[in-house]
Amino acid sequence: MTRMVNCVKRGVKAEGLDRAPLPGKLGQRVFDTISKEAWQDWMRHQTMLINEHRLSVIEPQARAFLEAELEKFLFGEGSAPPEGYVAPG
């Protein structure tokens, strides 16, 4: 059976994630309030941030940056692309 959530990012009731994508309170918050589609939006945005900022996700500073951007993207005012970023296509 599909688990439904009231997605705070998209503002609709939609299919929820199958499990918490991160450990801890933030992971539980995402699991409880973010849809699969909104999570996929974040994954694409995160990939762009990693590539454009040339981040190494094994570095604590990079992980902290991505966590802060995740909170902005999913729960806040949004995470902006780097200055000068031109989307492919």
Protein backbone atom coordinates (compact mmCIF):
# COMPACT_ATOMS: atom_id res chain seq x y z
CA MET A 1 0.00 0.00 0.00
CA THR A 2 1.26 3.46 -0.90
CA ARG A 3 2.06 5.80 1.98
CA MET A 4 0.70 9.31 1.41
CA VAL A 5 2.06 12.52 2.93
CA ASN A 6 1.03 16.16 2.86
CA CYS A 7 4.11 17.41 1.02
CA VAL A 8 5.22 20.75 2.42
CA LYS A 9 7.44 21.45 -0.60
CA ARG A 10 4.77 20.97 -3.27
CA GLY A 11 1.73 21.75 -1.14
CA VAL A 12 -0.18 18.63 -2.16
CA LYS A 13 -0.98 15.19 -0.82
CA ALA A 14 1.33 12.77 -2.63
CA GLU A 15 3.16 9.47 -2.35
CA GLY A 16 5.71 9.52 0.46
CA LEU A 17 9.18 8.05 0.61
CA ASP A 18 9.59 4.36 1.44
CA ARG A 19 12.06 5.09 4.25
CA ALA A 20 13.87 8.02 5.85
CA PRO A 21 16.55 9.18 3.38
CA LEU A 22 18.86 10.47 6.12
CA PRO A 23 19.59 9.52 9.72
CA GLY A 24 18.32 11.56 12.65
CA LYS A 25 15.65 14.19 13.09
CA LEU A 26 16.12 15.76 9.67
CA GLY A 27 15.68 12.39 7.97
CA GLN A 28 12.51 11.75 9.95
CA ARG A 29 11.18 15.21 9.09
CA VAL A 30 11.80 14.57 5.39
CA PHE A 31 10.16 11.14 5.65
CA ASP A 32 7.08 12.58 7.37
CA THR A 33 6.53 15.65 5.17
CA ILE A 34 8.19 15.30 1.75
CA SER A 35 6.86 13.43 -1.30
CA LYS A 36 8.89 11.18 -3.57
CA GLU A 37 8.64 13.76 -6.36
CA ALA A 38 9.89 16.59 -4.15
CA TRP A 39 12.75 14.37 -2.96
CA GLN A 40 13.70 13.69 -6.59
CA ASP A 41 13.66 17.46 -7.21
CA TRP A 42 16.12 17.81 -4.32
CA MET A 43 18.34 15.00 -5.63
CA ARG A 44 18.66 16.77 -9.01
CA HIS A 45 19.38 20.10 -7.29
CA GLN A 46 21.91 18.47 -4.96
CA THR A 47 23.72 16.88 -7.92
CA MET A 48 23.95 20.29 -9.58
CA LEU A 49 25.33 21.83 -6.34
CA ILE A 50 27.92 19.06 -5.96
CA ASN A 51 29.04 19.46 -9.55
CA GLU A 52 29.03 23.25 -9.73
CA HIS A 53 30.74 23.74 -6.37
CA ARG A 54 33.06 20.77 -7.00
CA LEU A 55 32.18 19.32 -3.61
CA SER A 56 33.63 16.16 -2.13
CA VAL A 57 30.84 14.63 -0.06
CA ILE A 58 33.34 12.90 2.23
CA GLU A 59 34.35 16.31 3.59
CA PRO A 60 32.41 17.48 6.65
CA GLN A 61 32.15 21.06 5.32
CA ALA A 62 30.56 19.83 2.08
CA ARG A 63 28.05 17.68 3.97
CA ALA A 64 27.17 20.60 6.26
CA PHE A 65 26.70 22.87 3.22
CA LEU A 66 24.43 20.31 1.52
CA GLU A 67 22.39 19.78 4.68
CA ALA A 68 21.83 23.53 5.00
CA GLU A 69 20.85 23.73 1.32
CA LEU A 70 18.48 20.77 1.74
CA GLU A 71 16.69 22.55 4.58
CA LYS A 72 16.38 25.72 2.48
CA PHE A 73 15.26 23.80 -0.61
CA LEU A 74 12.63 21.60 1.06
CA PHE A 75 11.48 23.67 4.04
CA GLY A 76 12.61 27.25 3.51
CA GLU A 77 12.87 29.95 0.90
CA GLY A 78 14.62 27.67 -1.59
CA SER A 79 18.19 26.92 -2.53
CA ALA A 80 19.54 29.05 -5.35
CA PRO A 81 21.96 27.73 -7.97
CA PRO A 82 25.50 29.15 -7.91
CA GLU A 83 25.97 32.58 -9.43
CA GLY A 84 26.49 32.31 -13.17
CA TYR A 85 24.96 28.84 -13.40
CA VAL A 86 23.39 28.08 -16.77
CA ALA A 87 21.08 25.07 -16.87
CA PRO A 88 21.89 22.50 -19.56
CA GLY A 89 19.58 22.23 -22.50
